[in-house]
Amino acid sequence: MIYLVDLEYVETRYTAEWKTYFPEYLRVNGLDVTVIEGPENIAACTTPGAFLNFSGTNVYKSEQVRKIAELFTENKIKDGDKFVFADAWHPGVINIKYMAELLGVKIELHGLWHAGSYDPADFLGRLIGDAPWVRHAEQSFFECFDTNWFASDFHIEMFVNNLLDNDDGFDTLPHPMLVENLRGDKILRTGWPFEYLTEKLANNYVKEDIILFPHRMAPEKQPDIFKSLAQQLPEYEFIFCQDLNLTKPEYHELLKRAKMVFSANTQETLGISCYEILAAGGVPLVPNRLSYKEMYDDMFKYPTQFTTGYKDYVMHQDMLINKIKTLMNNFTAPEIQSKIIANKKFLEKEYFSAYKLLDKLRG
């Protein structure tokens, strides 16, 4: 049995889509799945600048732990059962490990890592930093999981370098050796289960001169840079998506009309919206850093120093503006269109499909 410990969902984020798609994806691929949920709509409103509700998420997770404890109490958890945490940052993994080991039940634990205090630009890194309690907690979560799953090599490197004990020596090794030496299958990379996006974003719209800012209004997303670009380039329509309070279908319709998604992020371990614009036939424009560095064609990247901060942006804004104009004004050029198709196919297979996770769970 696969027990999927799911994420509380917010209607405007991918978590709402995962609510139904993730378990169905596992089932249609031959796995027997039981979903462990928390109370419905407990975290419907997010804490400003974040992607979840800081208190509501603990109500949700606590209910999940209660349900799992009842399954153990009723002797329903059996040898060979596998628990998949849709978000590895879940204190309940310690409760499960405690019960399984003391009761002698041989289970597997899998966790999907999205972010944590080890990322200095994430809200946990910014608000809590390297406080011993959070760093030790994350190290404990890591040790509890038989396999820790990440969606990008950048995320793996940051996680190991910033979180794991320096005495392990892994932070000084080149990345391929680092992963190979980190206890076999302890750390693996897989795409996330986003196979459905290809169909949802299939596009027959005529593209308009629209540039989107699809991110949260948070410091690590640098919305002030986007606002400045809008003033410098009045010939294009610049839209902060969050200002429109869009439903998910409405957001997808806007992606289908837009030519570009712009990012100046200083924190990103995957970046769904920049893939979504490719899937909708548009172009992302991203800095050559973070997860973007390994994911996007050079045509869609600009030098990282252009937006490492607002002052750096001001120094380089003319070059960034020229990059935007080149992509927007030559959007229909065969070279740009072929890069859109090729980059989309690459990301669709390697970063937005969970076949590697699926293969492991079947094993």
Foldseek 3Di string as FASTA:
>chain_A
DEEEAAFQDAQQDCSVVCVPPVVVVLVVVPDDYDYQWFDHPQFNDDDAQDDTNPVSRVNTLVSSLVVVVVCLVVVVQAAAYEYEYAELLHLSLVVVLVSCVVVVHHYAYEHEHFDALLQCLHPRVVVPNVPPVRLVSVVVSLVSHQAYEAQFLLVVLSCCLRRDDCVVVLNVDPSVVSVPPPNHRSYDYFAAAQLVLLVLQAADDAADLEEEAADRPHVQFPVVLLVVLCVVCVVGHYDYVVVVVDGNSVVSVVLLHYQEYETLGPDGRADDVQLSSLSSQHHYAYECDHRCVVQADPLRYDHNQCRPDPVSVVVCVVVVSVSSCVCSVCVVPPVNSVRSVVSSVVCSHGHNNGVVVSVVSVD
